[in-house]
Amino acid sequence: LEAAEDRARQRFACRLARKAHGMGQRVHIHTPDAEATR
């Protein structure tokens, strides 16, 4: 990602999860810590 902030990575993760889910795939998002999970 060209954007440096974590929020851009999180939003892109949502887009990827949406795409995979739409294709019927199960997804796991591995976060760096409990706060990032929340």
PDB file of all heavy atoms in Angstrom:
ATOM      1  N   LEU A   1       0.834  -1.193   0.000  1.00  0.00           N
ATOM      2  CA  LEU A   1       0.000   0.000   0.000  1.00  0.00           C
ATOM      3  C   LEU A   1       0.868   1.242   0.000  1.00  0.00           C
ATOM      4  O   LEU A   1       1.882   1.304   0.703  1.00  0.00           O
ATOM      5  CB  LEU A   1      -0.915   0.008   1.227  1.00  0.00           C
ATOM      6  CG  LEU A   1      -2.153  -0.888   1.138  1.00  0.00           C
ATOM      7  CD1 LEU A   1      -1.814  -2.350   1.203  1.00  0.00           C
ATOM      8  CD2 LEU A   1      -3.132  -0.513   2.209  1.00  0.00           C
ATOM      9  N   GLU A   2       0.474   2.222  -0.793  1.00  0.00           N
ATOM     10  CA  GLU A   2       1.209   3.489  -0.804  1.00  0.00           C
ATOM     11  C   GLU A   2       0.936   4.281   0.469  1.00  0.00           C
ATOM     12  O   GLU A   2       1.798   4.996   0.952  1.00  0.00           O
ATOM     13  CB  GLU A   2       0.844   4.297  -2.044  1.00  0.00           C
ATOM     14  CG  GLU A   2       1.391   3.668  -3.317  1.00  0.00           C
ATOM     15  CD  GLU A   2       1.049   4.458  -4.562  1.00  0.00           C
ATOM     16  OE1 GLU A   2       0.372   5.506  -4.461  1.00  0.00           O
ATOM     17  OE2 GLU A   2       1.469   4.027  -5.639  1.00  0.00           O
ATOM     18  N   ALA A   3      -0.273   4.142   1.031  1.00  0.00           N
ATOM     19  CA  ALA A   3      -0.631   4.860   2.251  1.00  0.00           C
ATOM     20  C   ALA A   3       0.133   4.276   3.440  1.00  0.00           C
ATOM     21  O   ALA A   3       0.317   3.068   3.544  1.00  0.00           O
ATOM     22  CB  ALA A   3      -2.135   4.760   2.494  1.00  0.00           C
ATOM     23  N   ALA A   4       0.566   5.144   4.331  1.00  0.00           N
ATOM     24  CA  ALA A   4       1.384   4.721   5.466  1.00  0.00           C
ATOM     25  C   ALA A   4       0.562   4.368   6.709  1.00  0.00           C
ATOM     26  O   ALA A   4       1.001   3.572   7.529  1.00  0.00           O
ATOM     27  CB  ALA A   4       2.381   5.819   5.827  1.00  0.00           C
ATOM     28  N   GLU A   5      -0.619   4.929   6.869  1.00  0.00           N
ATOM     29  CA  GLU A   5      -1.356   4.745   8.117  1.00  0.00           C
ATOM     30  C   GLU A   5      -2.013   3.362   8.216  1.00  0.00           C
ATOM     31  O   GLU A   5      -2.415   2.775   7.220  1.00  0.00           O
ATOM     32  CB  GLU A   5      -2.394   5.858   8.323  1.00  0.00           C
ATOM     33  CG  GLU A   5      -3.371   6.053   7.204  1.00  0.00           C
ATOM     34  CD  GLU A   5      -2.825   6.862   6.030  1.00  0.00           C
ATOM     35  OE1 GLU A   5      -1.842   7.606   6.162  1.00  0.00           O
ATOM     36  OE2 GLU A   5      -3.409   6.717   4.955  1.00  0.00           O
ATOM     37  N   ASP A   6      -2.082   2.864   9.442  1.00  0.00           N
ATOM     38  CA  ASP A   6      -2.671   1.553   9.708  1.00  0.00           C
ATOM     39  C   ASP A   6      -4.119   1.467   9.236  1.00  0.00           C
ATOM     40  O   ASP A   6      -4.571   0.409   8.809  1.00  0.00           O
ATOM     41  CB  ASP A   6      -2.603   1.215  11.199  1.00  0.00           C
ATOM     42  CG  ASP A   6      -1.227   0.736  11.621  1.00  0.00           C
ATOM     43  OD1 ASP A   6      -0.444   0.308  10.744  1.00  0.00           O
ATOM     44  OD2 ASP A   6      -0.943   0.779  12.827  1.00  0.00           O
ATOM     45  N   ARG A   7      -4.841   2.559   9.327  1.00  0.00           N
ATOM     46  CA  ARG A   7      -6.253   2.561   8.920  1.00  0.00           C
ATOM     47  C   ARG A   7      -6.401   2.147   7.453  1.00  0.00           C
ATOM     48  O   ARG A   7      -7.350   1.454   7.096  1.00  0.00           O
ATOM     49  CB  ARG A   7      -6.859   3.947   9.161  1.00  0.00           C
ATOM     50  CG  ARG A   7      -8.331   4.008   9.007  1.00  0.00           C
ATOM     51  CD  ARG A   7      -8.989   3.230  10.096  1.00  0.00           C
ATOM     52  NE  ARG A   7     -10.396   3.595  10.159  1.00  0.00           N
ATOM     53  CZ  ARG A   7     -11.200   3.143  11.043  1.00  0.00           C
ATOM     54  NH1 ARG A   7     -10.766   2.337  11.982  1.00  0.00           N
ATOM     55  NH2 ARG A   7     -12.458   3.490  11.046  1.00  0.00           N
ATOM     56  N   ALA A   8      -5.471   2.550   6.596  1.00  0.00           N
ATOM     57  CA  ALA A   8      -5.525   2.162   5.180  1.00  0.00           C
ATOM     58  C   ALA A   8      -5.358   0.646   5.039  1.00  0.00           C
ATOM     59  O   ALA A   8      -6.057   0.011   4.243  1.00  0.00           O
ATOM     60  CB  ALA A   8      -4.447   2.895   4.392  1.00  0.00           C
ATOM     61  N   ARG A   9      -4.458   0.063   5.800  1.00  0.00           N
ATOM     62  CA  ARG A   9      -4.262  -1.389   5.769  1.00  0.00           C
ATOM     63  C   ARG A   9      -5.507  -2.095   6.287  1.00  0.00           C
ATOM     64  O   ARG A   9      -5.932  -3.104   5.716  1.00  0.00           O
ATOM     65  CB  ARG A   9      -3.040  -1.781   6.600  1.00  0.00           C
ATOM     66  CG  ARG A   9      -1.725  -1.318   5.984  1.00  0.00           C
ATOM     67  CD  ARG A   9      -0.520  -1.571   6.878  1.00  0.00           C
ATOM     68  NE  ARG A   9      -0.309  -2.982   7.112  1.00  0.00           N
ATOM     69  CZ  ARG A   9      -0.218  -3.542   8.325  1.00  0.00           C
ATOM     70  NH1 ARG A   9      -0.295  -2.823   9.409  1.00  0.00           N
ATOM     71  NH2 ARG A   9      -0.013  -4.828   8.451  1.00  0.00           N
ATOM     72  N   GLN A  10      -6.106  -1.570   7.342  1.00  0.00           N
ATOM     73  CA  GLN A  10      -7.311  -2.181   7.891  1.00  0.00           C
ATOM     74  C   GLN A  10      -8.470  -2.125   6.897  1.00  0.00           C
ATOM     75  O   GLN A  10      -9.192  -3.106   6.719  1.00  0.00           O
ATOM     76  CB  GLN A  10      -7.696  -1.498   9.199  1.00  0.00           C
ATOM     77  CG  GLN A  10      -6.705  -1.735  10.312  1.00  0.00           C
ATOM     78  CD  GLN A  10      -6.950  -0.823  11.502  1.00  0.00           C
ATOM     79  OE1 GLN A  10      -7.564   0.233  11.390  1.00  0.00           O
ATOM     80  NE2 GLN A  10      -6.441  -1.236  12.654  1.00  0.00           N
ATOM     81  N   ARG A  11      -8.645  -0.984   6.247  1.00  0.00           N
ATOM     82  CA  ARG A  11      -9.723  -0.854   5.264  1.00  0.00           C
ATOM     83  C   ARG A  11      -9.486  -1.780   4.068  1.00  0.00           C
ATOM     84  O   ARG A  11     -10.421  -2.377   3.543  1.00  0.00           O
ATOM     85  CB  ARG A  11      -9.880   0.594   4.818  1.00  0.00           C
ATOM     86  CG  ARG A  11     -10.397   1.500   5.957  1.00  0.00           C
ATOM     87  CD  ARG A  11     -10.789   2.873   5.493  1.00  0.00           C
ATOM     88  NE  ARG A  11     -11.875   2.883   4.541  1.00  0.00           N
ATOM     89  CZ  ARG A  11     -13.169   2.656   4.833  1.00  0.00           C
ATOM     90  NH1 ARG A  11     -13.514   2.373   6.057  1.00  0.00           N
ATOM     91  NH2 ARG A  11     -14.083   2.719   3.894  1.00  0.00           N
ATOM     92  N   PHE A  12      -8.233  -1.907   3.645  1.00  0.00           N
ATOM     93  CA  PHE A  12      -7.937  -2.822   2.547  1.00  0.00           C
ATOM     94  C   PHE A  12      -8.188  -4.269   2.970  1.00  0.00           C
ATOM     95  O   PHE A  12      -8.685  -5.079   2.180  1.00  0.00           O
ATOM     96  CB  PHE A  12      -6.500  -2.628   2.049  1.00  0.00           C
ATOM     97  CG  PHE A  12      -6.233  -3.362   0.774  1.00  0.00           C
ATOM     98  CD1 PHE A  12      -6.770  -2.913  -0.423  1.00  0.00           C
ATOM     99  CD2 PHE A  12      -5.448  -4.504   0.766  1.00  0.00           C
ATOM    100  CE1 PHE A  12      -6.546  -3.604  -1.610  1.00  0.00           C
ATOM    101  CE2 PHE A  12      -5.214  -5.194  -0.406  1.00  0.00           C
ATOM    102  CZ  PHE A  12      -5.760  -4.751  -1.598  1.00  0.00           C
ATOM    103  N   ALA A  13      -7.880  -4.594   4.218  1.00  0.00           N
ATOM    104  CA  ALA A  13      -8.183  -5.938   4.741  1.00  0.00           C
ATOM    105  C   ALA A  13      -9.681  -6.209   4.665  1.00  0.00           C
ATOM    106  O   ALA A  13     -10.100  -7.323   4.316  1.00  0.00           O
ATOM    107  CB  ALA A  13      -7.677  -6.075   6.179  1.00  0.00           C
ATOM    108  N   CYS A  14     -10.494  -5.214   4.978  1.00  0.00           N
ATOM    109  CA  CYS A  14     -11.953  -5.364   4.868  1.00  0.00           C
ATOM    110  C   CYS A  14     -12.358  -5.642   3.428  1.00  0.00           C
ATOM    111  O   CYS A  14     -13.209  -6.503   3.170  1.00  0.00           O
ATOM    112  CB  CYS A  14     -12.663  -4.106   5.377  1.00  0.00           C
ATOM    113  SG  CYS A  14     -12.565  -3.853   7.160  1.00  0.00           S
ATOM    114  N   ARG A  15     -11.769  -4.927   2.494  1.00  0.00           N
ATOM    115  CA  ARG A  15     -12.091  -5.140   1.079  1.00  0.00           C
ATOM    116  C   ARG A  15     -11.715  -6.553   0.632  1.00  0.00           C
ATOM    117  O   ARG A  15     -12.485  -7.220  -0.073  1.00  0.00           O
ATOM    118  CB  ARG A  15     -11.380  -4.105   0.207  1.00  0.00           C
ATOM    119  CG  ARG A  15     -11.950  -2.703   0.358  1.00  0.00           C
ATOM    120  CD  ARG A  15     -11.194  -1.628  -0.392  1.00  0.00           C
ATOM    121  NE  ARG A  15     -10.717  -2.005  -1.710  1.00  0.00           N
ATOM    122  CZ  ARG A  15      -9.687  -1.411  -2.303  1.00  0.00           C
ATOM    123  NH1 ARG A  15      -9.020  -0.443  -1.705  1.00  0.00           N
ATOM    124  NH2 ARG A  15      -9.307  -1.790  -3.514  1.00  0.00           N
ATOM    125  N   LEU A  16     -10.534  -7.019   1.040  1.00  0.00           N
ATOM    126  CA  LEU A  16     -10.123  -8.380   0.689  1.00  0.00           C
ATOM    127  C   LEU A  16     -11.043  -9.412   1.329  1.00  0.00           C
ATOM    128  O   LEU A  16     -11.413 -10.404   0.693  1.00  0.00           O
ATOM    129  CB  LEU A  16      -8.681  -8.635   1.130  1.00  0.00           C
ATOM    130  CG  LEU A  16      -7.571  -7.974   0.339  1.00  0.00           C
ATOM    131  CD1 LEU A  16      -6.221  -8.291   0.961  1.00  0.00           C
ATOM    132  CD2 LEU A  16      -7.593  -8.439  -1.111  1.00  0.00           C
ATOM    133  N   ALA A  17     -11.394  -9.198   2.600  1.00  0.00           N
ATOM    134  CA  ALA A  17     -12.291 -10.125   3.294  1.00  0.00           C
ATOM    135  C   ALA A  17     -13.654 -10.163   2.607  1.00  0.00           C
ATOM    136  O   ALA A  17     -14.239 -11.241   2.428  1.00  0.00           O
ATOM    137  CB  ALA A  17     -12.435  -9.733   4.759  1.00  0.00           C
ATOM    138  N   ARG A  18     -14.158  -9.007   2.197  1.00  0.00           N
ATOM    139  CA  ARG A  18     -15.446  -8.948   1.498  1.00  0.00           C
ATOM    140  C   ARG A  18     -15.380  -9.740   0.195  1.00  0.00           C
ATOM    141  O   ARG A  18     -16.279 -10.515  -0.126  1.00  0.00           O
ATOM    142  CB  ARG A  18     -15.835  -7.505   1.215  1.00  0.00           C
ATOM    143  CG  ARG A  18     -17.164  -7.387   0.436  1.00  0.00           C
ATOM    144  CD  ARG A  18     -17.473  -5.981   0.048  1.00  0.00           C
ATOM    145  NE  ARG A  18     -16.390  -5.467  -0.784  1.00  0.00           N
ATOM    146  CZ  ARG A  18     -16.091  -4.191  -0.918  1.00  0.00           C
ATOM    147  NH1 ARG A  18     -16.773  -3.264  -0.270  1.00  0.00           N
ATOM    148  NH2 ARG A  18     -15.104  -3.805  -1.687  1.00  0.00           N
ATOM    149  N   LYS A  19     -14.309  -9.560  -0.551  1.00  0.00           N
ATOM    150  CA  LYS A  19     -14.164 -10.258  -1.825  1.00  0.00           C
ATOM    151  C   LYS A  19     -14.102 -11.776  -1.616  1.00  0.00           C
ATOM    152  O   LYS A  19     -14.795 -12.540  -2.292  1.00  0.00           O
ATOM    153  CB  LYS A  19     -12.923  -9.767  -2.561  1.00  0.00           C
ATOM    154  CG  LYS A  19     -12.735 -10.411  -3.908  1.00  0.00           C
ATOM    155  CD  LYS A  19     -11.540  -9.845  -4.631  1.00  0.00           C
ATOM    156  CE  LYS A  19     -11.388 -10.528  -5.991  1.00  0.00           C
ATOM    157  NZ  LYS A  19     -10.269  -9.990  -6.746  1.00  0.00           N
ATOM    158  N   ALA A  20     -13.261 -12.227  -0.689  1.00  0.00           N
ATOM    159  CA  ALA A  20     -13.118 -13.661  -0.432  1.00  0.00           C
ATOM    160  C   ALA A  20     -14.430 -14.252   0.091  1.00  0.00           C
ATOM    161  O   ALA A  20     -14.847 -15.329  -0.337  1.00  0.00           O
ATOM    162  CB  ALA A  20     -11.982 -13.908   0.557  1.00  0.00           C
ATOM    163  N   HIS A  21     -15.072 -13.549   1.012  1.00  0.00           N
ATOM    164  CA  HIS A  21     -16.352 -14.011   1.549  1.00  0.00           C
ATOM    165  C   HIS A  21     -17.382 -14.124   0.428  1.00  0.00           C
ATOM    166  O   HIS A  21     -18.153 -15.085   0.369  1.00  0.00           O
ATOM    167  CB  HIS A  21     -16.839 -13.054   2.650  1.00  0.00           C
ATOM    168  CG  HIS A  21     -18.211 -13.337   3.129  1.00  0.00           C
ATOM    169  ND1 HIS A  21     -18.561 -14.515   3.748  1.00  0.00           N
ATOM    170  CD2 HIS A  21     -19.341 -12.595   3.075  1.00  0.00           C
ATOM    171  CE1 HIS A  21     -19.846 -14.482   4.057  1.00  0.00           C
ATOM    172  NE2 HIS A  21     -20.343 -13.329   3.651  1.00  0.00           N
ATOM    173  N   GLY A  22     -17.396 -13.154  -0.478  1.00  0.00           N
ATOM    174  CA  GLY A  22     -18.315 -13.178  -1.612  1.00  0.00           C
ATOM    175  C   GLY A  22     -18.074 -14.363  -2.545  1.00  0.00           C
ATOM    176  O   GLY A  22     -18.982 -14.789  -3.260  1.00  0.00           O
ATOM    177  N   MET A  23     -16.864 -14.899  -2.507  1.00  0.00           N
ATOM    178  CA  MET A  23     -16.520 -16.069  -3.320  1.00  0.00           C
ATOM    179  C   MET A  23     -16.740 -17.371  -2.545  1.00  0.00           C
ATOM    180  O   MET A  23     -16.352 -18.441  -3.010  1.00  0.00           O
ATOM    181  CB  MET A  23     -15.065 -15.961  -3.777  1.00  0.00           C
ATOM    182  CG  MET A  23     -14.816 -14.777  -4.700  1.00  0.00           C
ATOM    183  SD  MET A  23     -13.053 -14.451  -5.025  1.00  0.00           S
ATOM    184  CE  MET A  23     -12.519 -15.978  -5.750  1.00  0.00           C
ATOM    185  N   GLY A  24     -17.331 -17.257  -1.343  1.00  0.00           N
ATOM    186  CA  GLY A  24     -17.623 -18.440  -0.542  1.00  0.00           C
ATOM    187  C   GLY A  24     -16.442 -18.976   0.239  1.00  0.00           C
ATOM    188  O   GLY A  24     -16.470 -20.112   0.716  1.00  0.00           O
ATOM    189  N   GLN A  25     -15.399 -18.180   0.402  1.00  0.00           N
ATOM    190  CA  GLN A  25     -14.218 -18.624   1.129  1.00  0.00           C
ATOM    191  C   GLN A  25     -14.280 -18.178   2.585  1.00  0.00           C
ATOM    192  O   GLN A  25     -14.803 -17.112   2.888  1.00  0.00           O
ATOM    193  CB  GLN A  25     -12.959 -18.064   0.465  1.00  0.00           C
ATOM    194  CG  GLN A  25     -12.782 -18.558  -0.950  1.00  0.00           C
ATOM    195  CD  GLN A  25     -11.603 -17.905  -1.638  1.00  0.00           C
ATOM    196  OE1 GLN A  25     -11.266 -16.763  -1.402  1.00  0.00           O
ATOM    197  NE2 GLN A  25     -10.961 -18.669  -2.514  1.00  0.00           N
ATOM    198  N   ARG A  26     -13.729 -19.011   3.464  1.00  0.00           N
ATOM    199  CA  ARG A  26     -13.606 -18.628   4.871  1.00  0.00           C
ATOM    200  C   ARG A  26     -12.303 -17.874   5.040  1.00  0.00           C
ATOM    201  O   ARG A  26     -11.277 -18.215   4.457  1.00  0.00           O
ATOM    202  CB  ARG A  26     -13.628 -19.856   5.773  1.00  0.00           C
ATOM    203  CG  ARG A  26     -15.024 -20.481   5.774  1.00  0.00           C
ATOM    204  CD  ARG A  26     -15.315 -21.371   6.924  1.00  0.00           C
ATOM    205  NE  ARG A  26     -15.095 -20.706   8.192  1.00  0.00           N
ATOM    206  CZ  ARG A  26     -14.659 -21.338   9.273  1.00  0.00           C
ATOM    207  NH1 ARG A  26     -14.389 -22.621   9.241  1.00  0.00           N
ATOM    208  NH2 ARG A  26     -14.500 -20.690  10.410  1.00  0.00           N
ATOM    209  N   VAL A  27     -12.346 -16.839   5.882  1.00  0.00           N
ATOM    210  CA  VAL A  27     -11.233 -15.901   6.027  1.00  0.00           C
ATOM    211  C   VAL A  27     -10.837 -15.788   7.498  1.00  0.00           C
ATOM    212  O   VAL A  27     -11.703 -15.753   8.376  1.00  0.00           O
ATOM    213  CB  VAL A  27     -11.638 -14.506   5.499  1.00  0.00           C
ATOM    214  CG1 VAL A  27     -10.527 -13.497   5.706  1.00  0.00           C
ATOM    215  CG2 VAL A  27     -12.057 -14.570   4.039  1.00  0.00           C
ATOM    216  N   HIS A  28      -9.546 -15.687   7.738  1.00  0.00           N
ATOM    217  CA  HIS A  28      -9.034 -15.355   9.064  1.00  0.00           C
ATOM    218  C   HIS A  28      -8.126 -14.133   8.931  1.00  0.00           C
ATOM    219  O   HIS A  28      -7.230 -14.117   8.082  1.00  0.00           O
ATOM    220  CB  HIS A  28      -8.254 -16.514   9.683  1.00  0.00           C
ATOM    221  CG  HIS A  28      -7.713 -16.185  11.038  1.00  0.00           C
ATOM    222  ND1 HIS A  28      -8.525 -16.044  12.146  1.00  0.00           N
ATOM    223  CD2 HIS A  28      -6.460 -15.923  11.454  1.00  0.00           C
ATOM    224  CE1 HIS A  28      -7.771 -15.729  13.192  1.00  0.00           C
ATOM    225  NE2 HIS A  28      -6.514 -15.647  12.801  1.00  0.00           N
ATOM    226  N   ILE A  29      -8.375 -13.126   9.760  1.00  0.00           N
ATOM    227  CA  ILE A  29      -7.546 -11.926   9.777  1.00  0.00           C
ATOM    228  C   ILE A  29      -6.653 -11.987  11.013  1.00  0.00           C
ATOM    229  O   ILE A  29      -7.154 -12.022  12.145  1.00  0.00           O
ATOM    230  CB  ILE A  29      -8.403 -10.646   9.788  1.00  0.00           C
ATOM    231  CG1 ILE A  29      -9.318 -10.614   8.552  1.00  0.00           C
ATOM    232  CG2 ILE A  29      -7.506  -9.400   9.846  1.00  0.00           C
ATOM    233  CD1 ILE A  29     -10.342  -9.490   8.566  1.00  0.00           C
ATOM    234  N   HIS A  30      -5.347 -12.029  10.776  1.00  0.00           N
ATOM    235  CA  HIS A  30      -4.363 -12.082  11.866  1.00  0.00           C
ATOM    236  C   HIS A  30      -3.918 -10.655  12.180  1.00  0.00           C
ATOM    237  O   HIS A  30      -3.354  -9.968  11.328  1.00  0.00           O
ATOM    238  CB  HIS A  30      -3.173 -12.943  11.438  1.00  0.00           C
ATOM    239  CG  HIS A  30      -2.110 -13.058  12.479  1.00  0.00           C
ATOM    240  ND1 HIS A  30      -2.292 -13.706  13.671  1.00  0.00           N
ATOM    241  CD2 HIS A  30      -0.834 -12.603  12.491  1.00  0.00           C
ATOM    242  CE1 HIS A  30      -1.188 -13.649  14.378  1.00  0.00           C
ATOM    243  NE2 HIS A  30      -0.281 -12.969  13.679  1.00  0.00           N
ATOM    244  N   THR A  31      -4.206 -10.202  13.389  1.00  0.00           N
ATOM    245  CA  THR A  31      -3.902  -8.830  13.800  1.00  0.00           C
ATOM    246  C   THR A  31      -2.650  -8.799  14.683  1.00  0.00           C
ATOM    247  O   THR A  31      -2.272  -9.823  15.255  1.00  0.00           O
ATOM    248  CB  THR A  31      -5.094  -8.214  14.557  1.00  0.00           C
ATOM    249  OG1 THR A  31      -5.319  -8.973  15.743  1.00  0.00           O
ATOM    250  CG2 THR A  31      -6.353  -8.201  13.696  1.00  0.00           C
ATOM    251  N   PRO A  32      -2.042  -7.630  14.849  1.00  0.00           N
ATOM    252  CA  PRO A  32      -0.817  -7.562  15.655  1.00  0.00           C
ATOM    253  C   PRO A  32      -1.041  -7.636  17.162  1.00  0.00           C
ATOM    254  O   PRO A  32      -0.144  -8.052  17.895  1.00  0.00           O
ATOM    255  CB  PRO A  32      -0.183  -6.228  15.257  1.00  0.00           C
ATOM    256  CG  PRO A  32      -1.260  -5.434  14.643  1.00  0.00           C
ATOM    257  CD  PRO A  32      -2.274  -6.394  14.104  1.00  0.00           C
ATOM    258  N   ASP A  33      -2.219  -7.223  17.648  1.00  0.00           N
ATOM    259  CA  ASP A  33      -2.456  -7.213  19.085  1.00  0.00           C
ATOM    260  C   ASP A  33      -3.956  -7.123  19.374  1.00  0.00           C
ATOM    261  O   ASP A  33      -4.767  -6.968  18.449  1.00  0.00           O
ATOM    262  CB  ASP A  33      -1.701  -6.066  19.768  1.00  0.00           C
ATOM    263  CG  ASP A  33      -2.005  -4.711  19.156  1.00  0.00           C
ATOM    264  OD1 ASP A  33      -3.188  -4.401  18.917  1.00  0.00           O
ATOM    265  OD2 ASP A  33      -1.043  -3.955  18.911  1.00  0.00           O
ATOM    266  N   ALA A  34      -4.315  -7.224  20.658  1.00  0.00           N
ATOM    267  CA  ALA A  34      -5.727  -7.229  21.056  1.00  0.00           C
ATOM    268  C   ALA A  34      -6.442  -5.934  20.676  1.00  0.00           C
ATOM    269  O   ALA A  34      -7.607  -5.963  20.260  1.00  0.00           O
ATOM    270  CB  ALA A  34      -5.844  -7.486  22.562  1.00  0.00           C
ATOM    271  N   GLU A  35      -5.774  -4.805  20.783  1.00  0.00           N
ATOM    272  CA  GLU A  35      -6.400  -3.531  20.408  1.00  0.00           C
ATOM    273  C   GLU A  35      -6.712  -3.508  18.906  1.00  0.00           C
ATOM    274  O   GLU A  35      -7.773  -3.046  18.487  1.00  0.00           O
ATOM    275  CB  GLU A  35      -5.507  -2.349  20.778  1.00  0.00           C
ATOM    276  CG  GLU A  35      -6.083  -0.997  20.396  1.00  0.00           C
ATOM    277  CD  GLU A  35      -7.478  -0.724  20.961  1.00  0.00           C
ATOM    278  OE1 GLU A  35      -7.763  -1.130  22.098  1.00  0.00           O
ATOM    279  OE2 GLU A  35      -8.286  -0.091  20.254  1.00  0.00           O
ATOM    280  N   ALA A  36      -5.793  -4.009  18.099  1.00  0.00           N
ATOM    281  CA  ALA A  36      -6.032  -4.069  16.653  1.00  0.00           C
ATOM    282  C   ALA A  36      -7.179  -5.025  16.329  1.00  0.00           C
ATOM    283  O   ALA A  36      -7.961  -4.776  15.406  1.00  0.00           O
ATOM    284  CB  ALA A  36      -4.759  -4.486  15.928  1.00  0.00           C
ATOM    285  N   THR A  37      -7.309  -6.098  17.089  1.00  0.00           N
ATOM    286  CA  THR A  37      -8.437  -7.017  16.898  1.00  0.00           C
ATOM    287  C   THR A  37      -9.744  -6.297  17.179  1.00  0.00           C
ATOM    288  O   THR A  37     -10.705  -6.399  16.402  1.00  0.00           O
ATOM    289  CB  THR A  37      -8.302  -8.259  17.803  1.00  0.00           C
ATOM    290  OG1 THR A  37      -7.098  -8.955  17.447  1.00  0.00           O
ATOM    291  CG2 THR A  37      -9.493  -9.196  17.653  1.00  0.00           C
ATOM    292  N   ARG A  38      -9.802  -5.549  18.273  1.00  0.00           N
ATOM    293  CA  ARG A  38     -11.023  -4.787  18.603  1.00  0.00           C
ATOM    294  C   ARG A  38     -11.332  -3.752  17.518  1.00  0.00           C
ATOM    295  O   ARG A  38     -12.486  -3.581  17.121  1.00  0.00           O
ATOM    296  CB  ARG A  38     -10.883  -4.116  19.972  1.00  0.00           C
ATOM    297  CG  ARG A  38     -10.993  -5.089  21.138  1.00  0.00           C
ATOM    298  CD  ARG A  38     -11.047  -4.371  22.477  1.00  0.00           C
ATOM    299  NE  ARG A  38      -9.798  -3.726  22.822  1.00  0.00           N
ATOM    300  CZ  ARG A  38      -8.758  -4.328  23.394  1.00  0.00           C
ATOM    301  NH1 ARG A  38      -8.826  -5.605  23.700  1.00  0.00           N
ATOM    302  NH2 ARG A  38      -7.667  -3.658  23.679  1.00  0.00           N
TER     303      ARG A  38
END
